[in-house]
């Protein structure tokens, strides 16, 4: 069990140290990969300790978790990008409606005179 804790701590410290070196914020894909790697390493270490190989279990679980987390993070990031695009279109439409409203108001005032 002690090896599992060491492996998990090493993996967690590696991810934290790696993310601190980045000058830009982590993307959703990168966050998903990190969470997946940590979770996979933890579960893999636990399963590996049951069969006498916690280090190998943590390494395999971390790798599988990394891939799975990156795939899930990529899907979430794609949805975020699409939502941002849609919000930008909504904002543009609202601005156009407001412009047309002001134009109609101007025309109404001209007719009154």
PDB file of N, CA and C in Angstrom:
ATOM      1  N   UNK A   1       0.825  -1.189   0.000  1.00  0.00           N
ATOM      2  CA  UNK A   1       0.000   0.000   0.000  1.00  0.00           C
ATOM      3  C   UNK A   1       0.866   1.248   0.000  1.00  0.00           C
ATOM      4  N   UNK A   2       2.059   1.135   0.616  1.00  0.00           N
ATOM      5  CA  UNK A   2       2.963   2.273   0.664  1.00  0.00           C
ATOM      6  C   UNK A   2       3.457   2.639  -0.732  1.00  0.00           C
ATOM      7  N   UNK A   3       3.701   1.649  -1.583  1.00  0.00           N
ATOM      8  CA  UNK A   3       4.137   1.905  -2.953  1.00  0.00           C
ATOM      9  C   UNK A   3       3.058   2.631  -3.749  1.00  0.00           C
ATOM     10  N   UNK A   4       1.813   2.292  -3.481  1.00  0.00           N
ATOM     11  CA  UNK A   4       0.700   2.943  -4.167  1.00  0.00           C
ATOM     12  C   UNK A   4       0.687   4.422  -3.834  1.00  0.00           C
ATOM     13  N   UNK A   5       0.829   4.733  -2.585  1.00  0.00           N
ATOM     14  CA  UNK A   5       0.835   6.140  -2.172  1.00  0.00           C
ATOM     15  C   UNK A   5       2.002   6.890  -2.791  1.00  0.00           C
ATOM     16  N   UNK A   6       3.136   6.258  -2.849  1.00  0.00           N
ATOM     17  CA  UNK A   6       4.305   6.897  -3.443  1.00  0.00           C
ATOM     18  C   UNK A   6       4.075   7.128  -4.933  1.00  0.00           C
ATOM     19  N   UNK A   7       3.541   6.128  -5.617  1.00  0.00           N
ATOM     20  CA  UNK A   7       3.279   6.263  -7.054  1.00  0.00           C
ATOM     21  C   UNK A   7       2.251   7.364  -7.322  1.00  0.00           C
ATOM     22  N   UNK A   8       1.198   7.394  -6.533  1.00  0.00           N
ATOM     23  CA  UNK A   8       0.162   8.415  -6.712  1.00  0.00           C
ATOM     24  C   UNK A   8       0.717   9.797  -6.403  1.00  0.00           C
ATOM     25  N   UNK A   9       1.484   9.909  -5.343  1.00  0.00           N
ATOM     26  CA  UNK A   9       2.080  11.197  -4.989  1.00  0.00           C
ATOM     27  C   UNK A   9       3.039  11.665  -6.075  1.00  0.00           C
ATOM     28  N   UNK A  10       3.838  10.767  -6.614  1.00  0.00           N
ATOM     29  CA  UNK A  10       4.766  11.126  -7.676  1.00  0.00           C
ATOM     30  C   UNK A  10       4.018  11.591  -8.912  1.00  0.00           C
ATOM     31  N   UNK A  11       2.979  10.881  -9.286  1.00  0.00           N
ATOM     32  CA  UNK A  11       2.189  11.256 -10.456  1.00  0.00           C
ATOM     33  C   UNK A  11       1.511  12.607 -10.247  1.00  0.00           C
ATOM     34  N   UNK A  12       0.941  12.807  -9.075  1.00  0.00           N
ATOM     35  CA  UNK A  12       0.275  14.079  -8.777  1.00  0.00           C
ATOM     36  C   UNK A  12       1.265  15.234  -8.808  1.00  0.00           C
ATOM     37  N   UNK A  13       2.428  15.044  -8.202  1.00  0.00           N
ATOM     38  CA  UNK A  13       3.449  16.099  -8.210  1.00  0.00           C
ATOM     39  C   UNK A  13       3.947  16.378  -9.617  1.00  0.00           C
ATOM     40  N   UNK A  14       4.074  15.349 -10.429  1.00  0.00           N
ATOM     41  CA  UNK A  14       4.512  15.543 -11.809  1.00  0.00           C
ATOM     42  C   UNK A  14       3.507  16.372 -12.591  1.00  0.00           C
ATOM     43  N   UNK A  15       2.234  16.067 -12.411  1.00  0.00           N
ATOM     44  CA  UNK A  15       1.201  16.834 -13.110  1.00  0.00           C
ATOM     45  C   UNK A  15       1.147  18.278 -12.634  1.00  0.00           C
ATOM     46  N   UNK A  16       1.256  18.477 -11.337  1.00  0.00           N
ATOM     47  CA  UNK A  16       1.229  19.841 -10.801  1.00  0.00           C
ATOM     48  C   UNK A  16       2.446  20.614 -11.289  1.00  0.00           C
ATOM     49  N   UNK A  17       3.604  20.013 -11.217  1.00  0.00           N
ATOM     50  CA  UNK A  17       4.822  20.691 -11.668  1.00  0.00           C
ATOM     51  C   UNK A  17       4.750  20.996 -13.157  1.00  0.00           C
ATOM     52  N   UNK A  18       4.225  20.084 -13.916  1.00  0.00           N
ATOM     53  CA  UNK A  18       4.082  20.314 -15.354  1.00  0.00           C
ATOM     54  C   UNK A  18       3.112  21.430 -15.677  1.00  0.00           C
ATOM     55  N   UNK A  19       2.041  21.513 -14.927  1.00  0.00           N
ATOM     56  CA  UNK A  19       1.052  22.561 -15.210  1.00  0.00           C
ATOM     57  C   UNK A  19       1.531  23.921 -14.734  1.00  0.00           C
ATOM     58  N   UNK A  20       2.392  23.972 -13.722  1.00  0.00           N
ATOM     59  CA  UNK A  20       2.914  25.248 -13.253  1.00  0.00           C
ATOM     60  C   UNK A  20       3.852  25.880 -14.274  1.00  0.00           C
ATOM     61  N   UNK A  21       4.478  25.073 -15.089  1.00  0.00           N
ATOM     62  CA  UNK A  21       5.380  25.597 -16.099  1.00  0.00           C
ATOM     63  C   UNK A  21       4.674  26.204 -17.293  1.00  0.00           C
ATOM     64  N   UNK A  22       3.376  25.994 -17.412  1.00  0.00           N
ATOM     65  CA  UNK A  22       2.624  26.533 -18.539  1.00  0.00           C
ATOM     66  C   UNK A  22       2.322  27.997 -18.309  1.00  0.00           C
ATOM     67  N   UNK A  23       2.501  28.801 -19.345  1.00  0.00           N
ATOM     68  CA  UNK A  23       2.222  30.229 -19.222  1.00  0.00           C
ATOM     69  C   UNK A  23       0.762  30.542 -19.508  1.00  0.00           C
ATOM     70  N   UNK A  24       0.046  29.628 -20.140  1.00  0.00           N
ATOM     71  CA  UNK A  24      -1.372  29.843 -20.429  1.00  0.00           C
ATOM     72  C   UNK A  24      -2.204  28.919 -19.559  1.00  0.00           C
ATOM     73  N   UNK A  25      -3.462  29.291 -19.325  1.00  0.00           N
ATOM     74  CA  UNK A  25      -4.320  28.398 -18.535  1.00  0.00           C
ATOM     75  C   UNK A  25      -4.542  27.066 -19.250  1.00  0.00           C
ATOM     76  N   UNK A  26      -4.811  26.048 -18.470  1.00  0.00           N
ATOM     77  CA  UNK A  26      -5.061  24.724 -19.048  1.00  0.00           C
ATOM     78  C   UNK A  26      -6.373  24.722 -19.817  1.00  0.00           C
ATOM     79  N   UNK A  27      -6.389  24.025 -20.939  1.00  0.00           N
ATOM     80  CA  UNK A  27      -7.624  23.870 -21.693  1.00  0.00           C
ATOM     81  C   UNK A  27      -8.466  22.788 -21.031  1.00  0.00           C
ATOM     82  N   UNK A  28      -9.707  22.698 -21.450  1.00  0.00           N
ATOM     83  CA  UNK A  28     -10.598  21.665 -20.918  1.00  0.00           C
ATOM     84  C   UNK A  28     -10.041  20.282 -21.243  1.00  0.00           C
ATOM     85  N   UNK A  29      -9.466  20.123 -22.414  1.00  0.00           N
ATOM     86  CA  UNK A  29      -8.875  18.842 -22.800  1.00  0.00           C
ATOM     87  C   UNK A  29      -7.735  18.476 -21.846  1.00  0.00           C
ATOM     88  N   UNK A  30      -6.889  19.444 -21.526  1.00  0.00           N
ATOM     89  CA  UNK A  30      -5.753  19.185 -20.635  1.00  0.00           C
ATOM     90  C   UNK A  30      -6.219  18.894 -19.209  1.00  0.00           C
ATOM     91  N   UNK A  31      -7.244  19.606 -18.770  1.00  0.00           N
ATOM     92  CA  UNK A  31      -7.784  19.331 -17.435  1.00  0.00           C
ATOM     93  C   UNK A  31      -8.360  17.919 -17.376  1.00  0.00           C
ATOM     94  N   UNK A  32      -9.086  17.527 -18.405  1.00  0.00           N
ATOM     95  CA  UNK A  32      -9.654  16.180 -18.453  1.00  0.00           C
ATOM     96  C   UNK A  32      -8.567  15.120 -18.449  1.00  0.00           C
ATOM     97  N   UNK A  33      -7.494  15.368 -19.192  1.00  0.00           N
ATOM     98  CA  UNK A  33      -6.388  14.408 -19.232  1.00  0.00           C
ATOM     99  C   UNK A  33      -5.737  14.280 -17.855  1.00  0.00           C
ATOM    100  N   UNK A  34      -5.548  15.405 -17.178  1.00  0.00           N
ATOM    101  CA  UNK A  34      -4.934  15.369 -15.846  1.00  0.00           C
ATOM    102  C   UNK A  34      -5.792  14.645 -14.830  1.00  0.00           C
ATOM    103  N   UNK A  35      -7.073  14.951 -14.834  1.00  0.00           N
ATOM    104  CA  UNK A  35      -7.994  14.285 -13.904  1.00  0.00           C
ATOM    105  C   UNK A  35      -8.056  12.792 -14.202  1.00  0.00           C
ATOM    106  N   UNK A  36      -8.126  12.460 -15.491  1.00  0.00           N
ATOM    107  CA  UNK A  36      -8.158  11.047 -15.876  1.00  0.00           C
ATOM    108  C   UNK A  36      -6.907  10.302 -15.471  1.00  0.00           C
ATOM    109  N   UNK A  37      -5.754  10.950 -15.644  1.00  0.00           N
ATOM    110  CA  UNK A  37      -4.492  10.302 -15.281  1.00  0.00           C
ATOM    111  C   UNK A  37      -4.415  10.060 -13.779  1.00  0.00           C
ATOM    112  N   UNK A  38      -4.801  11.056 -12.993  1.00  0.00           N
ATOM    113  CA  UNK A  38      -4.771  10.881 -11.532  1.00  0.00           C
ATOM    114  C   UNK A  38      -5.749   9.804 -11.079  1.00  0.00           C
ATOM    115  N   UNK A  39      -6.958   9.875 -11.594  1.00  0.00           N
ATOM    116  CA  UNK A  39      -7.959   8.870 -11.218  1.00  0.00           C
ATOM    117  C   UNK A  39      -7.554   7.473 -11.654  1.00  0.00           C
ATOM    118  N   UNK A  40      -7.045   7.385 -12.889  1.00  0.00           N
ATOM    119  CA  UNK A  40      -6.610   6.078 -13.395  1.00  0.00           C
ATOM    120  C   UNK A  40      -5.448   5.519 -12.609  1.00  0.00           C
ATOM    121  N   UNK A  41      -4.515   6.385 -12.234  1.00  0.00           N
ATOM    122  CA  UNK A  41      -3.367   5.918 -11.446  1.00  0.00           C
ATOM    123  C   UNK A  41      -3.813   5.443 -10.077  1.00  0.00           C
ATOM    124  N   UNK A  42      -4.748   6.167  -9.473  1.00  0.00           N
ATOM    125  CA  UNK A  42      -5.239   5.764  -8.151  1.00  0.00           C
ATOM    126  C   UNK A  42      -5.942   4.412  -8.223  1.00  0.00           C
ATOM    127  N   UNK A  43      -6.854   4.282  -9.170  1.00  0.00           N
ATOM    128  CA  UNK A  43      -7.591   3.011  -9.300  1.00  0.00           C
ATOM    129  C   UNK A  43      -6.639   1.890  -9.714  1.00  0.00           C
ATOM    130  N   UNK A  44      -5.741   2.181 -10.663  1.00  0.00           N
ATOM    131  CA  UNK A  44      -4.781   1.165 -11.098  1.00  0.00           C
ATOM    132  C   UNK A  44      -3.858   0.736  -9.976  1.00  0.00           C
ATOM    133  N   UNK A  45      -3.455   1.691  -9.134  1.00  0.00           N
ATOM    134  CA  UNK A  45      -2.601   1.351  -7.997  1.00  0.00           C
ATOM    135  C   UNK A  45      -3.309   0.461  -6.996  1.00  0.00           C
ATOM    136  N   UNK A  46      -4.566   0.755  -6.758  1.00  0.00           N
ATOM    137  CA  UNK A  46      -5.352  -0.066  -5.826  1.00  0.00           C
ATOM    138  C   UNK A  46      -5.525  -1.476  -6.376  1.00  0.00           C
ATOM    139  N   UNK A  47      -5.908  -1.563  -7.646  1.00  0.00           N
ATOM    140  CA  UNK A  47      -6.086  -2.885  -8.256  1.00  0.00           C
ATOM    141  C   UNK A  47      -4.746  -3.621  -8.322  1.00  0.00           C
ATOM    142  N   UNK A  48      -3.685  -2.882  -8.700  1.00  0.00           N
ATOM    143  CA  UNK A  48      -2.364  -3.500  -8.773  1.00  0.00           C
ATOM    144  C   UNK A  48      -1.876  -4.000  -7.432  1.00  0.00           C
ATOM    145  N   UNK A  49      -2.214  -3.282  -6.348  1.00  0.00           N
ATOM    146  CA  UNK A  49      -1.763  -3.741  -5.030  1.00  0.00           C
ATOM    147  C   UNK A  49      -2.475  -5.024  -4.621  1.00  0.00           C
ATOM    148  N   UNK A  50      -3.679  -5.224  -5.139  1.00  0.00           N
ATOM    149  CA  UNK A  50      -4.407  -6.448  -4.829  1.00  0.00           C
ATOM    150  C   UNK A  50      -3.738  -7.675  -5.446  1.00  0.00           C
ATOM    151  N   UNK A  51      -3.049  -7.463  -6.563  1.00  0.00           N
ATOM    152  CA  UNK A  51      -2.380  -8.587  -7.226  1.00  0.00           C
ATOM    153  C   UNK A  51      -0.868  -8.550  -7.034  1.00  0.00           C
ATOM    154  N   UNK A  52      -0.380  -7.622  -6.203  1.00  0.00           N
ATOM    155  CA  UNK A  52       1.033  -7.583  -5.861  1.00  0.00           C
ATOM    156  C   UNK A  52       1.897  -6.698  -6.739  1.00  0.00           C
ATOM    157  N   UNK A  53       1.304  -5.880  -7.611  1.00  0.00           N
ATOM    158  CA  UNK A  53       2.076  -5.002  -8.487  1.00  0.00           C
ATOM    159  C   UNK A  53       1.458  -3.603  -8.520  1.00  0.00           C
ATOM    160  N   UNK A  54       1.543  -2.869  -7.401  1.00  0.00           N
ATOM    161  CA  UNK A  54       0.882  -1.553  -7.355  1.00  0.00           C
ATOM    162  C   UNK A  54       1.493  -0.531  -8.304  1.00  0.00           C
ATOM    163  N   UNK A  55       2.805  -0.578  -8.494  1.00  0.00           N
ATOM    164  CA  UNK A  55       3.459   0.376  -9.393  1.00  0.00           C
ATOM    165  C   UNK A  55       3.011   0.184 -10.831  1.00  0.00           C
ATOM    166  N   UNK A  56       2.997  -1.077 -11.262  1.00  0.00           N
ATOM    167  CA  UNK A  56       2.562  -1.370 -12.636  1.00  0.00           C
ATOM    168  C   UNK A  56       1.090  -1.019 -12.802  1.00  0.00           C
ATOM    169  N   UNK A  57       0.285  -1.321 -11.799  1.00  0.00           N
ATOM    170  CA  UNK A  57      -1.140  -0.985 -11.869  1.00  0.00           C
ATOM    171  C   UNK A  57      -1.359   0.514 -11.964  1.00  0.00           C
ATOM    172  N   UNK A  58      -0.595   1.271 -11.178  1.00  0.00           N
ATOM    173  CA  UNK A  58      -0.722   2.733 -11.217  1.00  0.00           C
ATOM    174  C   UNK A  58      -0.277   3.281 -12.569  1.00  0.00           C
ATOM    175  N   UNK A  59       0.797   2.740 -13.116  1.00  0.00           N
ATOM    176  CA  UNK A  59       1.287   3.206 -14.414  1.00  0.00           C
ATOM    177  C   UNK A  59       0.297   2.900 -15.531  1.00  0.00           C
ATOM    178  N   UNK A  60      -0.211   1.677 -15.538  1.00  0.00           N
ATOM    179  CA  UNK A  60      -1.183   1.296 -16.574  1.00  0.00           C
ATOM    180  C   UNK A  60      -2.472   2.087 -16.401  1.00  0.00           C
ATOM    181  N   UNK A  61      -2.951   2.182 -15.174  1.00  0.00           N
ATOM    182  CA  UNK A  61      -4.177   2.949 -14.913  1.00  0.00           C
ATOM    183  C   UNK A  61      -4.017   4.417 -15.258  1.00  0.00           C
ATOM    184  N   UNK A  62      -2.854   4.972 -14.957  1.00  0.00           N
ATOM    185  CA  UNK A  62      -2.590   6.373 -15.290  1.00  0.00           C
ATOM    186  C   UNK A  62      -2.602   6.613 -16.789  1.00  0.00           C
ATOM    187  N   UNK A  63      -1.988   5.702 -17.537  1.00  0.00           N
ATOM    188  CA  UNK A  63      -1.953   5.841 -18.997  1.00  0.00           C
ATOM    189  C   UNK A  63      -3.355   5.723 -19.593  1.00  0.00           C
ATOM    190  N   UNK A  64      -4.102   4.727 -19.127  1.00  0.00           N
ATOM    191  CA  UNK A  64      -5.469   4.569 -19.626  1.00  0.00           C
ATOM    192  C   UNK A  64      -6.347   5.754 -19.226  1.00  0.00           C
ATOM    193  N   UNK A  65      -6.193   6.212 -17.997  1.00  0.00           N
ATOM    194  CA  UNK A  65      -6.956   7.367 -17.537  1.00  0.00           C
ATOM    195  C   UNK A  65      -6.601   8.628 -18.299  1.00  0.00           C
ATOM    196  N   UNK A  66      -5.329   8.779 -18.625  1.00  0.00           N
ATOM    197  CA  UNK A  66      -4.876   9.929 -19.401  1.00  0.00           C
ATOM    198  C   UNK A  66      -5.574   9.970 -20.766  1.00  0.00           C
ATOM    199  N   UNK A  67      -5.563   8.852 -21.451  1.00  0.00           N
ATOM    200  CA  UNK A  67      -6.213   8.789 -22.769  1.00  0.00           C
ATOM    201  C   UNK A  67      -7.703   9.024 -22.689  1.00  0.00           C
ATOM    202  N   UNK A  68      -8.352   8.368 -21.746  1.00  0.00           N
ATOM    203  CA  UNK A  68      -9.800   8.522 -21.588  1.00  0.00           C
ATOM    204  C   UNK A  68     -10.148   9.944 -21.182  1.00  0.00           C
ATOM    205  N   UNK A  69      -9.419  10.502 -20.241  1.00  0.00           N
ATOM    206  CA  UNK A  69      -9.672  11.874 -19.800  1.00  0.00           C
ATOM    207  C   UNK A  69      -9.465  12.876 -20.921  1.00  0.00           C
ATOM    208  N   UNK A  70      -8.449  12.659 -21.753  1.00  0.00           N
ATOM    209  CA  UNK A  70      -8.200  13.561 -22.875  1.00  0.00           C
ATOM    210  C   UNK A  70      -9.342  13.496 -23.892  1.00  0.00           C
ATOM    211  N   UNK A  71      -9.854  12.296 -24.147  1.00  0.00           N
ATOM    212  CA  UNK A  71     -10.977  12.170 -25.083  1.00  0.00           C
ATOM    213  C   UNK A  71     -12.228  12.873 -24.555  1.00  0.00           C
ATOM    214  N   UNK A  72     -12.527  12.667 -23.297  1.00  0.00           N
ATOM    215  CA  UNK A  72     -13.702  13.312 -22.694  1.00  0.00           C
ATOM    216  C   UNK A  72     -13.499  14.829 -22.661  1.00  0.00           C
ATOM    217  N   UNK A  73     -12.307  15.262 -22.270  1.00  0.00           N
ATOM    218  CA  UNK A  73     -12.008  16.690 -22.243  1.00  0.00           C
ATOM    219  C   UNK A  73     -12.114  17.329 -23.619  1.00  0.00           C
ATOM    220  N   UNK A  74     -11.700  16.600 -24.649  1.00  0.00           N
ATOM    221  CA  UNK A  74     -11.794  17.104 -26.013  1.00  0.00           C
ATOM    222  C   UNK A  74     -13.249  17.314 -26.419  1.00  0.00           C
ATOM    223  N   UNK A  75     -14.103  16.362 -26.060  1.00  0.00           N
ATOM    224  CA  UNK A  75     -15.533  16.506 -26.366  1.00  0.00           C
ATOM    225  C   UNK A  75     -16.131  17.712 -25.641  1.00  0.00           C
ATOM    226  N   UNK A  76     -15.788  17.874 -24.381  1.00  0.00           N
ATOM    227  CA  UNK A  76     -16.289  19.012 -23.609  1.00  0.00           C
ATOM    228  C   UNK A  76     -15.777  20.333 -24.177  1.00  0.00           C
ATOM    229  N   UNK A  77     -14.515  20.353 -24.582  1.00  0.00           N
ATOM    230  CA  UNK A  77     -13.941  21.563 -25.151  1.00  0.00           C
ATOM    231  C   UNK A  77     -14.645  21.913 -26.467  1.00  0.00           C
ATOM    232  N   UNK A  78     -14.946  20.919 -27.273  1.00  0.00           N
ATOM    233  CA  UNK A  78     -15.672  21.168 -28.515  1.00  0.00           C
ATOM    234  C   UNK A  78     -17.041  21.782 -28.255  1.00  0.00           C
ATOM    235  N   UNK A  79     -17.717  21.304 -27.232  1.00  0.00           N
ATOM    236  CA  UNK A  79     -19.024  21.868 -26.871  1.00  0.00           C
ATOM    237  C   UNK A  79     -18.888  23.302 -26.376  1.00  0.00           C
ATOM    238  N   UNK A  80     -17.844  23.571 -25.595  1.00  0.00           N
ATOM    239  CA  UNK A  80     -17.623  24.939 -25.117  1.00  0.00           C
ATOM    240  C   UNK A  80     -17.403  25.894 -26.287  1.00  0.00           C
ATOM    241  N   UNK A  81     -16.615  25.465 -27.252  1.00  0.00           N
ATOM    242  CA  UNK A  81     -16.337  26.305 -28.423  1.00  0.00           C
ATOM    243  C   UNK A  81     -17.619  26.569 -29.200  1.00  0.00           C
ATOM    244  N   UNK A  82     -18.438  25.557 -29.363  1.00  0.00           N
ATOM    245  CA  UNK A  82     -19.708  25.719 -30.082  1.00  0.00           C
ATOM    246  C   UNK A  82     -20.642  26.659 -29.324  1.00  0.00           C
ATOM    247  N   UNK A  83     -20.696  26.544 -28.008  1.00  0.00           N
ATOM    248  CA  UNK A  83     -21.538  27.436 -27.212  1.00  0.00           C
ATOM    249  C   UNK A  83     -21.046  28.882 -27.313  1.00  0.00           C
ATOM    250  N   UNK A  84     -19.742  29.082 -27.320  1.00  0.00           N
ATOM    251  CA  UNK A  84     -19.200  30.429 -27.469  1.00  0.00           C
ATOM    252  C   UNK A  84     -19.580  31.010 -28.827  1.00  0.00           C
ATOM    253  N   UNK A  85     -19.499  30.188 -29.871  1.00  0.00           N
ATOM    254  CA  UNK A  85     -19.861  30.637 -31.214  1.00  0.00           C
ATOM    255  C   UNK A  85     -21.337  31.021 -31.264  1.00  0.00           C
ATOM    256  N   UNK A  86     -22.191  30.188 -30.674  1.00  0.00           N
ATOM    257  CA  UNK A  86     -23.620  30.476 -30.655  1.00  0.00           C
ATOM    258  C   UNK A  86     -23.930  31.737 -29.856  1.00  0.00           C
ATOM    259  N   UNK A  87     -23.239  31.931 -28.731  1.00  0.00           N
ATOM    260  CA  UNK A  87     -23.470  33.128 -27.928  1.00  0.00           C
ATOM    261  C   UNK A  87     -23.052  34.377 -28.688  1.00  0.00           C
ATOM    262  N   UNK A  88     -21.965  34.279 -29.424  1.00  0.00           N
ATOM    263  CA  UNK A  88     -21.522  35.421 -30.232  1.00  0.00           C
ATOM    264  C   UNK A  88     -22.583  35.758 -31.278  1.00  0.00           C
ATOM    265  N   UNK A  89     -23.169  34.751 -31.904  1.00  0.00           N
ATOM    266  CA  UNK A  89     -24.217  34.981 -32.908  1.00  0.00           C
ATOM    267  C   UNK A  89     -25.450  35.605 -32.256  1.00  0.00           C
ATOM    268  N   UNK A  90     -25.826  35.133 -31.072  1.00  0.00           N
ATOM    269  CA  UNK A  90     -26.967  35.705 -30.351  1.00  0.00           C
ATOM    270  C   UNK A  90     -26.705  37.178 -30.036  1.00  0.00           C
ATOM    271  N   UNK A  91     -25.503  37.490 -29.574  1.00  0.00           N
ATOM    272  CA  UNK A  91     -25.140  38.876 -29.264  1.00  0.00           C
ATOM    273  C   UNK A  91     -25.217  39.757 -30.506  1.00  0.00           C
ATOM    274  N   UNK A  92     -24.736  39.249 -31.640  1.00  0.00           N
ATOM    275  CA  UNK A  92     -24.804  40.009 -32.884  1.00  0.00           C
ATOM    276  C   UNK A  92     -26.256  40.251 -33.296  1.00  0.00           C
ATOM    277  N   UNK A  93     -27.085  39.224 -33.154  1.00  0.00           N
ATOM    278  CA  UNK A  93     -28.498  39.371 -33.500  1.00  0.00           C
ATOM    279  C   UNK A  93     -29.182  40.389 -32.602  1.00  0.00           C
ATOM    280  N   UNK A  94     -28.877  40.367 -31.326  1.00  0.00           N
ATOM    281  CA  UNK A  94     -29.473  41.331 -30.400  1.00  0.00           C
ATOM    282  C   UNK A  94     -29.030  42.754 -30.729  1.00  0.00           C
ATOM    283  N   UNK A  95     -27.783  42.918 -31.100  1.00  0.00           N
ATOM    284  CA  UNK A  95     -27.294  44.245 -31.479  1.00  0.00           C
ATOM    285  C   UNK A  95     -28.011  44.737 -32.734  1.00  0.00           C
ATOM    286  N   UNK A  96     -28.239  43.859 -33.688  1.00  0.00           N
ATOM    287  CA  UNK A  96     -28.960  44.244 -34.913  1.00  0.00           C
ATOM    288  C   UNK A  96     -30.408  44.605 -34.606  1.00  0.00           C
ATOM    289  N   UNK A  97     -31.047  43.856 -33.738  1.00  0.00           N
ATOM    290  CA  UNK A  97     -32.430  44.174 -33.345  1.00  0.00           C
ATOM    291  C   UNK A  97     -32.478  45.543 -32.680  1.00  0.00           C
ATOM    292  N   UNK A  98     -31.543  45.825 -31.822  1.00  0.00           N
ATOM    293  CA  UNK A  98     -31.501  47.129 -31.147  1.00  0.00           C
ATOM    294  C   UNK A  98     -31.268  48.251 -32.151  1.00  0.00           C
ATOM    295  N   UNK A  99     -30.397  48.038 -33.130  1.00  0.00           N
ATOM    296  CA  UNK A  99     -30.155  49.039 -34.159  1.00  0.00           C
ATOM    297  C   UNK A  99     -31.416  49.312 -34.957  1.00  0.00           C
ATOM    298  N   UNK A 100     -32.135  48.255 -35.323  1.00  0.00           N
ATOM    299  CA  UNK A 100     -33.377  48.418 -36.083  1.00  0.00           C
ATOM    300  C   UNK A 100     -34.454  49.103 -35.246  1.00  0.00           C
ATOM    301  N   UNK A 101     -34.501  48.808 -33.951  1.00  0.00           N
ATOM    302  CA  UNK A 101     -35.464  49.461 -33.081  1.00  0.00           C
ATOM    303  C   UNK A 101     -35.214  50.968 -33.033  1.00  0.00           C
ATOM    304  N   UNK A 102     -33.953  51.349 -32.910  1.00  0.00           N
ATOM    305  CA  UNK A 102     -33.612  52.777 -32.892  1.00  0.00           C
ATOM    306  C   UNK A 102     -33.966  53.443 -34.214  1.00  0.00           C
ATOM    307  N   UNK A 103     -33.727  52.740 -35.316  1.00  0.00           N
ATOM    308  CA  UNK A 103     -34.059  53.285 -36.639  1.00  0.00           C
ATOM    309  C   UNK A 103     -35.569  53.482 -36.779  1.00  0.00           C
ATOM    310  N   UNK A 104     -36.361  52.532 -36.324  1.00  0.00           N
ATOM    311  CA  UNK A 104     -37.821  52.675 -36.377  1.00  0.00           C
ATOM    312  C   UNK A 104     -38.284  53.847 -35.522  1.00  0.00           C
ATOM    313  N   UNK A 105     -37.691  53.988 -34.368  1.00  0.00           N
ATOM    314  CA  UNK A 105     -38.041  55.111 -33.491  1.00  0.00           C
ATOM    315  C   UNK A 105     -37.721  56.441 -34.166  1.00  0.00           C
ATOM    316  N   UNK A 106     -36.579  56.514 -34.845  1.00  0.00           N
ATOM    317  CA  UNK A 106     -36.200  57.737 -35.560  1.00  0.00           C
ATOM    318  C   UNK A 106     -37.199  58.047 -36.667  1.00  0.00           C
ATOM    319  N   UNK A 107     -37.616  57.023 -37.408  1.00  0.00           N
ATOM    320  CA  UNK A 107     -38.580  57.217 -38.501  1.00  0.00           C
ATOM    321  C   UNK A 107     -39.923  57.680 -37.942  1.00  0.00           C
ATOM    322  N   UNK A 108     -40.372  57.113 -36.848  1.00  0.00           N
ATOM    323  CA  UNK A 108     -41.643  57.528 -36.226  1.00  0.00           C
ATOM    324  C   UNK A 108     -41.598  59.003 -35.820  1.00  0.00           C
ATOM    325  N   UNK A 109     -40.480  59.422 -35.236  1.00  0.00           N
ATOM    326  CA  UNK A 109     -40.350  60.818 -34.832  1.00  0.00           C
ATOM    327  C   UNK A 109     -40.356  61.752 -36.039  1.00  0.00           C
ATOM    328  N   UNK A 110     -39.734  61.334 -37.154  1.00  0.00           N
ATOM    329  CA  UNK A 110     -39.744  62.167 -38.359  1.00  0.00           C
ATOM    330  C   UNK A 110     -41.150  62.335 -38.903  1.00  0.00           C
ATOM    331  N   UNK A 111     -41.997  61.304 -38.835  1.00  0.00           N
ATOM    332  CA  UNK A 111     -43.376  61.369 -39.319  1.00  0.00           C
ATOM    333  C   UNK A 111     -44.233  62.299 -38.473  1.00  0.00           C
ATOM    334  N   UNK A 112     -43.918  62.400 -37.201  1.00  0.00           N
ATOM    335  CA  UNK A 112     -44.701  63.249 -36.306  1.00  0.00           C
ATOM    336  C   UNK A 112     -44.533  64.728 -36.652  1.00  0.00           C
ATOM    337  N   UNK A 113     -43.437  65.125 -37.240  1.00  0.00           N
ATOM    338  CA  UNK A 113     -43.175  66.536 -37.531  1.00  0.00           C
ATOM    339  C   UNK A 113     -43.696  66.901 -38.847  1.00  0.00           C
TER     340      UNK A 113
END
